[in-house]
PDB file of N, CA and C in Angstrom:
ATOM      1  N   MET A   1      -2.407  11.467   9.655  1.00  0.00           N
ATOM      2  CA  MET A   1      -0.983  11.672   9.690  1.00  0.00           C
ATOM      3  C   MET A   1      -0.211  10.628   8.804  1.00  0.00           C
ATOM      4  N   GLN A   2       0.744  11.113   8.151  1.00  0.00           N
ATOM      5  CA  GLN A   2       1.539  10.145   7.259  1.00  0.00           C
ATOM      6  C   GLN A   2       2.570   9.429   8.113  1.00  0.00           C
ATOM      7  N   SER A   3       2.829   8.161   7.661  1.00  0.00           N
ATOM      8  CA  SER A   3       3.850   7.402   8.331  1.00  0.00           C
ATOM      9  C   SER A   3       5.240   7.920   7.777  1.00  0.00           C
ATOM     10  N   ILE A   4       6.255   7.541   8.507  1.00  0.00           N
ATOM     11  CA  ILE A   4       7.618   7.895   8.044  1.00  0.00           C
ATOM     12  C   ILE A   4       7.924   7.343   6.730  1.00  0.00           C
ATOM     13  N   ASP A   5       7.497   6.068   6.506  1.00  0.00           N
ATOM     14  CA  ASP A   5       7.684   5.441   5.124  1.00  0.00           C
ATOM     15  C   ASP A   5       7.059   6.261   4.057  1.00  0.00           C
ATOM     16  N   GLU A   6       5.831   6.729   4.258  1.00  0.00           N
ATOM     17  CA  GLU A   6       5.126   7.513   3.244  1.00  0.00           C
ATOM     18  C   GLU A   6       5.866   8.816   2.973  1.00  0.00           C
ATOM     19  N   LEU A   7       6.375   9.491   4.041  1.00  0.00           N
ATOM     20  CA  LEU A   7       7.130  10.712   3.849  1.00  0.00           C
ATOM     21  C   LEU A   7       8.448  10.429   3.097  1.00  0.00           C
ATOM     22  N   VAL A   8       9.112   9.403   3.448  1.00  0.00           N
ATOM     23  CA  VAL A   8      10.407   9.065   2.816  1.00  0.00           C
ATOM     24  C   VAL A   8      10.141   8.736   1.330  1.00  0.00           C
ATOM     25  N   GLN A   9       9.102   7.936   1.097  1.00  0.00           N
ATOM     26  CA  GLN A   9       8.789   7.649  -0.286  1.00  0.00           C
ATOM     27  C   GLN A   9       8.453   8.876  -1.125  1.00  0.00           C
ATOM     28  N   ALA A  10       7.701   9.743  -0.499  1.00  0.00           N
ATOM     29  CA  ALA A  10       7.290  11.006  -1.212  1.00  0.00           C
ATOM     30  C   ALA A  10       8.593  11.765  -1.524  1.00  0.00           C
ATOM     31  N   ILE A  11       9.509  11.830  -0.580  1.00  0.00           N
ATOM     32  CA  ILE A  11      10.780  12.618  -0.767  1.00  0.00           C
ATOM     33  C   ILE A  11      11.564  11.983  -1.861  1.00  0.00           C
ATOM     34  N   THR A  12      11.745  10.609  -1.798  1.00  0.00           N
ATOM     35  CA  THR A  12      12.580   9.934  -2.802  1.00  0.00           C
ATOM     36  C   THR A  12      12.012   9.968  -4.191  1.00  0.00           C
ATOM     37  N   GLU A  13      10.713  10.183  -4.291  1.00  0.00           N
ATOM     38  CA  GLU A  13      10.070  10.243  -5.650  1.00  0.00           C
ATOM     39  C   GLU A  13      10.105  11.648  -6.253  1.00  0.00           C
ATOM     40  N   LEU A  14      10.538  12.619  -5.451  1.00  0.00           N
ATOM     41  CA  LEU A  14      10.587  13.980  -5.959  1.00  0.00           C
ATOM     42  C   LEU A  14      11.684  14.089  -7.018  1.00  0.00           C
ATOM     43  N   ASP A  15      11.473  14.999  -7.907  1.00  0.00           N
ATOM     44  CA  ASP A  15      12.490  15.335  -8.894  1.00  0.00           C
ATOM     45  C   ASP A  15      13.720  15.826  -8.119  1.00  0.00           C
ATOM     46  N   PRO A  16      14.948  15.474  -8.578  1.00  0.00           N
ATOM     47  CA  PRO A  16      16.131  15.858  -7.806  1.00  0.00           C
ATOM     48  C   PRO A  16      16.203  17.344  -7.500  1.00  0.00           C
ATOM     49  N   MET A  17      15.787  18.217  -8.421  1.00  0.00           N
ATOM     50  CA  MET A  17      15.785  19.654  -8.082  1.00  0.00           C
ATOM     51  C   MET A  17      14.793  20.055  -7.006  1.00  0.00           C
ATOM     52  N   ASP A  18      13.657  19.371  -7.015  1.00  0.00           N
ATOM     53  CA  ASP A  18      12.642  19.623  -5.996  1.00  0.00           C
ATOM     54  C   ASP A  18      13.160  19.075  -4.602  1.00  0.00           C
ATOM     55  N   ARG A  19      13.815  17.916  -4.605  1.00  0.00           N
ATOM     56  CA  ARG A  19      14.413  17.434  -3.416  1.00  0.00           C
ATOM     57  C   ARG A  19      15.434  18.402  -2.813  1.00  0.00           C
ATOM     58  N   GLU A  20      16.223  18.935  -3.669  1.00  0.00           N
ATOM     59  CA  GLU A  20      17.285  19.858  -3.240  1.00  0.00           C
ATOM     60  C   GLU A  20      16.642  21.118  -2.690  1.00  0.00           C
ATOM     61  N   ALA A  21      15.590  21.592  -3.304  1.00  0.00           N
ATOM     62  CA  ALA A  21      14.855  22.801  -2.807  1.00  0.00           C
ATOM     63  C   ALA A  21      14.240  22.525  -1.512  1.00  0.00           C
ATOM     64  N   LEU A  22      13.646  21.400  -1.347  1.00  0.00           N
ATOM     65  CA  LEU A  22      13.052  20.931  -0.039  1.00  0.00           C
ATOM     66  C   LEU A  22      14.081  20.908   1.047  1.00  0.00           C
ATOM     67  N   MET A  23      15.225  20.309   0.760  1.00  0.00           N
ATOM     68  CA  MET A  23      16.314  20.246   1.808  1.00  0.00           C
ATOM     69  C   MET A  23      16.792  21.585   2.169  1.00  0.00           C
ATOM     70  N   GLU A  24      16.918  22.494   1.206  1.00  0.00           N
ATOM     71  CA  GLU A  24      17.325  23.848   1.463  1.00  0.00           C
ATOM     72  C   GLU A  24      16.373  24.563   2.372  1.00  0.00           C
ATOM     73  N   MET A  25      15.085  24.361   2.164  1.00  0.00           N
ATOM     74  CA  MET A  25      14.050  24.954   3.015  1.00  0.00           C
ATOM     75  C   MET A  25      14.129  24.400   4.409  1.00  0.00           C
ATOM     76  N   VAL A  26      14.324  23.119   4.538  1.00  0.00           N
ATOM     77  CA  VAL A  26      14.420  22.440   5.813  1.00  0.00           C
ATOM     78  C   VAL A  26      15.695  22.986   6.578  1.00  0.00           C
ATOM     79  N   SER A  27      16.801  23.167   5.785  1.00  0.00           N
ATOM     80  CA  SER A  27      18.011  23.752   6.396  1.00  0.00           C
ATOM     81  C   SER A  27      17.782  25.092   6.861  1.00  0.00           C
ATOM     82  N   LYS A  28      17.117  25.958   6.091  1.00  0.00           N
ATOM     83  CA  LYS A  28      16.910  27.319   6.492  1.00  0.00           C
ATOM     84  C   LYS A  28      16.064  27.442   7.718  1.00  0.00           C
ATOM     85  N   LEU A  29      15.029  26.555   7.809  1.00  0.00           N
ATOM     86  CA  LEU A  29      14.114  26.538   8.983  1.00  0.00           C
ATOM     87  C   LEU A  29      14.885  26.131  10.188  1.00  0.00           C
ATOM     88  N   ASN A  30      15.713  25.116  10.023  1.00  0.00           N
ATOM     89  CA  ASN A  30      16.527  24.654  11.118  1.00  0.00           C
ATOM     90  C   ASN A  30      17.499  25.665  11.610  1.00  0.00           C
ATOM     91  N   ASN A  31      18.115  26.383  10.659  1.00  0.00           N
ATOM     92  CA  ASN A  31      19.065  27.382  11.066  1.00  0.00           C
ATOM     93  C   ASN A  31      18.409  28.493  11.849  1.00  0.00           C
ATOM     94  N   GLU A  32      17.201  28.841  11.534  1.00  0.00           N
ATOM     95  CA  GLU A  32      16.508  29.901  12.315  1.00  0.00           C
ATOM     96  C   GLU A  32      16.164  29.445  13.709  1.00  0.00           C
ATOM     97  N   ASN A  33      15.819  28.104  13.849  1.00  0.00           N
ATOM     98  CA  ASN A  33      15.415  27.636  15.163  1.00  0.00           C
ATOM     99  C   ASN A  33      16.536  27.234  16.134  1.00  0.00           C
ATOM    100  N   ASP A  34      17.623  26.748  15.535  1.00  0.00           N
ATOM    101  CA  ASP A  34      18.660  26.103  16.401  1.00  0.00           C
ATOM    102  C   ASP A  34      19.991  26.220  15.717  1.00  0.00           C
ATOM    103  N   ARG A  35      20.718  27.356  15.985  1.00  0.00           N
ATOM    104  CA  ARG A  35      21.987  27.619  15.317  1.00  0.00           C
ATOM    105  C   ARG A  35      23.169  26.901  15.897  1.00  0.00           C
ATOM    106  N   ASN A  36      23.096  26.547  17.189  1.00  0.00           N
ATOM    107  CA  ASN A  36      24.297  26.104  17.865  1.00  0.00           C
ATOM    108  C   ASN A  36      24.248  24.589  18.306  1.00  0.00           C
ATOM    109  N   SER A  37      23.421  23.799  17.721  1.00  0.00           N
ATOM    110  CA  SER A  37      23.233  22.550  18.246  1.00  0.00           C
ATOM    111  C   SER A  37      23.969  21.354  17.453  1.00  0.00           C
ATOM    112  N   GLY A  38      24.637  21.680  16.412  1.00  0.00           N
ATOM    113  CA  GLY A  38      25.316  20.656  15.597  1.00  0.00           C
ATOM    114  C   GLY A  38      24.360  19.990  14.616  1.00  0.00           C
ATOM    115  N   THR A  39      23.136  20.430  14.625  1.00  0.00           N
ATOM    116  CA  THR A  39      22.080  19.905  13.715  1.00  0.00           C
ATOM    117  C   THR A  39      22.406  20.325  12.273  1.00  0.00           C
ATOM    118  N   ASP A  40      23.145  21.387  12.116  1.00  0.00           N
ATOM    119  CA  ASP A  40      23.510  21.839  10.741  1.00  0.00           C
ATOM    120  C   ASP A  40      24.282  20.707  10.033  1.00  0.00           C
ATOM    121  N   THR A  41      25.212  20.134  10.818  1.00  0.00           N
ATOM    122  CA  THR A  41      26.036  19.027  10.253  1.00  0.00           C
ATOM    123  C   THR A  41      25.156  17.856   9.823  1.00  0.00           C
ATOM    124  N   GLN A  42      24.230  17.541  10.643  1.00  0.00           N
ATOM    125  CA  GLN A  42      23.269  16.446  10.333  1.00  0.00           C
ATOM    126  C   GLN A  42      22.429  16.792   9.119  1.00  0.00           C
ATOM    127  N   LEU A  43      21.962  18.000   8.956  1.00  0.00           N
ATOM    128  CA  LEU A  43      21.172  18.395   7.836  1.00  0.00           C
ATOM    129  C   LEU A  43      22.029  18.383   6.510  1.00  0.00           C
ATOM    130  N   LYS A  44      23.270  18.748   6.667  1.00  0.00           N
ATOM    131  CA  LYS A  44      24.153  18.733   5.514  1.00  0.00           C
ATOM    132  C   LYS A  44      24.323  17.280   5.029  1.00  0.00           C
ATOM    133  N   LEU A  45      24.524  16.396   5.924  1.00  0.00           N
ATOM    134  CA  LEU A  45      24.621  14.939   5.637  1.00  0.00           C
ATOM    135  C   LEU A  45      23.355  14.410   4.994  1.00  0.00           C
ATOM    136  N   MET A  46      22.138  14.850   5.547  1.00  0.00           N
ATOM    137  CA  MET A  46      20.938  14.476   4.960  1.00  0.00           C
ATOM    138  C   MET A  46      20.758  15.016   3.504  1.00  0.00           C
ATOM    139  N   GLN A  47      21.227  16.233   3.305  1.00  0.00           N
ATOM    140  CA  GLN A  47      21.183  16.856   1.935  1.00  0.00           C
ATOM    141  C   GLN A  47      22.077  16.035   1.001  1.00  0.00           C
ATOM    142  N   GLU A  48      23.197  15.670   1.431  1.00  0.00           N
ATOM    143  CA  GLU A  48      24.109  14.859   0.599  1.00  0.00           C
ATOM    144  C   GLU A  48      23.480  13.473   0.294  1.00  0.00           C
ATOM    145  N   ALA A  49      22.859  12.881   1.357  1.00  0.00           N
ATOM    146  CA  ALA A  49      22.269  11.580   1.158  1.00  0.00           C
ATOM    147  C   ALA A  49      21.110  11.634   0.159  1.00  0.00           C
ATOM    148  N   MET A  50      20.346  12.719   0.103  1.00  0.00           N
ATOM    149  CA  MET A  50      19.252  12.802  -0.771  1.00  0.00           C
ATOM    150  C   MET A  50      19.685  12.945  -2.258  1.00  0.00           C
ATOM    151  N   LYS A  51      20.896  13.179  -2.403  1.00  0.00           N
ATOM    152  CA  LYS A  51      21.454  13.296  -3.807  1.00  0.00           C
ATOM    153  C   LYS A  51      22.185  12.085  -4.248  1.00  0.00           C
ATOM    154  N   ASP A  52      22.398  11.145  -3.251  1.00  0.00           N
ATOM    155  CA  ASP A  52      23.126   9.928  -3.484  1.00  0.00           C
ATOM    156  C   ASP A  52      22.223   8.819  -4.039  1.00  0.00           C
ATOM    157  N   GLU A  53      22.352   8.476  -5.334  1.00  0.00           N
ATOM    158  CA  GLU A  53      21.462   7.522  -5.919  1.00  0.00           C
ATOM    159  C   GLU A  53      21.572   6.077  -5.339  1.00  0.00           C
ATOM    160  N   LEU A  54      22.797   5.726  -4.857  1.00  0.00           N
ATOM    161  CA  LEU A  54      22.907   4.441  -4.204  1.00  0.00           C
ATOM    162  C   LEU A  54      22.146   4.396  -2.896  1.00  0.00           C
ATOM    163  N   PHE A  55      22.228   5.528  -2.160  1.00  0.00           N
ATOM    164  CA  PHE A  55      21.479   5.600  -0.876  1.00  0.00           C
ATOM    165  C   PHE A  55      20.009   5.463  -1.141  1.00  0.00           C
ATOM    166  N   LEU A  56      19.564   6.230  -2.156  1.00  0.00           N
ATOM    167  CA  LEU A  56      18.115   6.244  -2.478  1.00  0.00           C
ATOM    168  C   LEU A  56      17.662   4.875  -2.924  1.00  0.00           C
ATOM    169  N   ALA A  57      18.461   4.137  -3.653  1.00  0.00           N
ATOM    170  CA  ALA A  57      18.101   2.828  -4.036  1.00  0.00           C
ATOM    171  C   ALA A  57      18.009   1.866  -2.870  1.00  0.00           C
ATOM    172  N   ASP A  58      18.916   1.995  -1.966  1.00  0.00           N
ATOM    173  CA  ASP A  58      18.891   1.128  -0.784  1.00  0.00           C
ATOM    174  C   ASP A  58      17.618   1.542   0.036  1.00  0.00           C
ATOM    175  N   LEU A  59      17.400   2.796   0.156  1.00  0.00           N
ATOM    176  CA  LEU A  59      16.232   3.216   0.952  1.00  0.00           C
ATOM    177  C   LEU A  59      14.895   2.634   0.353  1.00  0.00           C
ATOM    178  N   ARG A  60      14.806   2.714  -0.960  1.00  0.00           N
ATOM    179  CA  ARG A  60      13.598   2.169  -1.657  1.00  0.00           C
ATOM    180  C   ARG A  60      13.519   0.654  -1.387  1.00  0.00           C
ATOM    181  N   GLU A  61      14.572  -0.049  -1.442  1.00  0.00           N
ATOM    182  CA  GLU A  61      14.665  -1.498  -1.227  1.00  0.00           C
ATOM    183  C   GLU A  61      14.277  -1.855   0.219  1.00  0.00           C
ATOM    184  N   VAL A  62      14.782  -1.129   1.204  1.00  0.00           N
ATOM    185  CA  VAL A  62      14.416  -1.382   2.595  1.00  0.00           C
ATOM    186  C   VAL A  62      12.917  -1.060   2.799  1.00  0.00           C
ATOM    187  N   MET A  63      12.474   0.037   2.219  1.00  0.00           N
ATOM    188  CA  MET A  63      11.055   0.318   2.312  1.00  0.00           C
ATOM    189  C   MET A  63      10.173  -0.788   1.812  1.00  0.00           C
ATOM    190  N   GLU A  64      10.532  -1.332   0.695  1.00  0.00           N
ATOM    191  CA  GLU A  64       9.828  -2.402   0.119  1.00  0.00           C
ATOM    192  C   GLU A  64       9.862  -3.683   0.984  1.00  0.00           C
ATOM    193  N   ASP A  65      10.993  -3.967   1.574  1.00  0.00           N
ATOM    194  CA  ASP A  65      11.179  -5.096   2.438  1.00  0.00           C
ATOM    195  C   ASP A  65      10.298  -5.071   3.659  1.00  0.00           C
ATOM    196  N   PHE A  66      10.029  -3.840   4.168  1.00  0.00           N
ATOM    197  CA  PHE A  66       9.254  -3.768   5.314  1.00  0.00           C
ATOM    198  C   PHE A  66       7.837  -3.297   5.080  1.00  0.00           C
ATOM    199  N   ARG A  67       7.345  -3.169   3.873  1.00  0.00           N
ATOM    200  CA  ARG A  67       6.076  -2.743   3.478  1.00  0.00           C
ATOM    201  C   ARG A  67       4.974  -3.592   4.199  1.00  0.00           C
ATOM    202  N   HIS A  68       5.172  -4.933   4.232  1.00  0.00           N
ATOM    203  CA  HIS A  68       4.210  -5.801   4.814  1.00  0.00           C
ATOM    204  C   HIS A  68       4.086  -5.642   6.306  1.00  0.00           C
ATOM    205  N   VAL A  69       5.185  -5.304   6.990  1.00  0.00           N
ATOM    206  CA  VAL A  69       5.224  -5.111   8.408  1.00  0.00           C
ATOM    207  C   VAL A  69       4.470  -3.866   8.742  1.00  0.00           C
ATOM    208  N   ASP A  70       4.651  -2.818   7.960  1.00  0.00           N
ATOM    209  CA  ASP A  70       3.904  -1.533   8.229  1.00  0.00           C
ATOM    210  C   ASP A  70       2.440  -1.638   8.149  1.00  0.00           C
ATOM    211  N   ALA A  71       1.957  -2.657   7.344  1.00  0.00           N
ATOM    212  CA  ALA A  71       0.471  -2.866   7.103  1.00  0.00           C
ATOM    213  C   ALA A  71      -0.102  -3.594   8.338  1.00  0.00           C
ATOM    214  N   GLU A  72       0.686  -4.254   9.073  1.00  0.00           N
ATOM    215  CA  GLU A  72       0.175  -5.084  10.211  1.00  0.00           C
ATOM    216  C   GLU A  72      -0.092  -4.170  11.399  1.00  0.00           C
ATOM    217  N   GLU A  73      -1.119  -4.557  12.097  1.00  0.00           N
ATOM    218  CA  GLU A  73      -1.488  -3.820  13.310  1.00  0.00           C
ATOM    219  C   GLU A  73      -0.900  -4.477  14.517  1.00  0.00           C
ATOM    220  N   THR A  74      -0.536  -3.651  15.565  1.00  0.00           N
ATOM    221  CA  THR A  74       0.037  -4.193  16.782  1.00  0.00           C
ATOM    222  C   THR A  74      -1.131  -4.797  17.566  1.00  0.00           C
ATOM    223  N   PRO A  75      -0.989  -6.010  18.074  1.00  0.00           N
ATOM    224  CA  PRO A  75      -2.013  -6.582  18.892  1.00  0.00           C
ATOM    225  C   PRO A  75      -2.122  -5.842  20.165  1.00  0.00           C
ATOM    226  N   ALA A  76      -3.322  -5.736  20.686  1.00  0.00           N
ATOM    227  CA  ALA A  76      -3.663  -5.010  21.980  1.00  0.00           C
ATOM    228  C   ALA A  76      -3.255  -5.840  23.173  1.00  0.00           C
TER     229      ALA A  76
END
């Protein structure tokens, strides 16, 4: 299973048109599953964020900052 960081990195590295297509597919799937929950608004905000270069730059920076923590194992 992929970590959240790996998924976010994969999404941020997509071509902008591919990112948009992915977000449209997620939106369509969500609309089919849950039309009345307010999640549509959240998905629209996520779609906008995926197009925002400043947000993506910040996301990459935060991912890099925490990369060493993700590699550590939790003590038993």
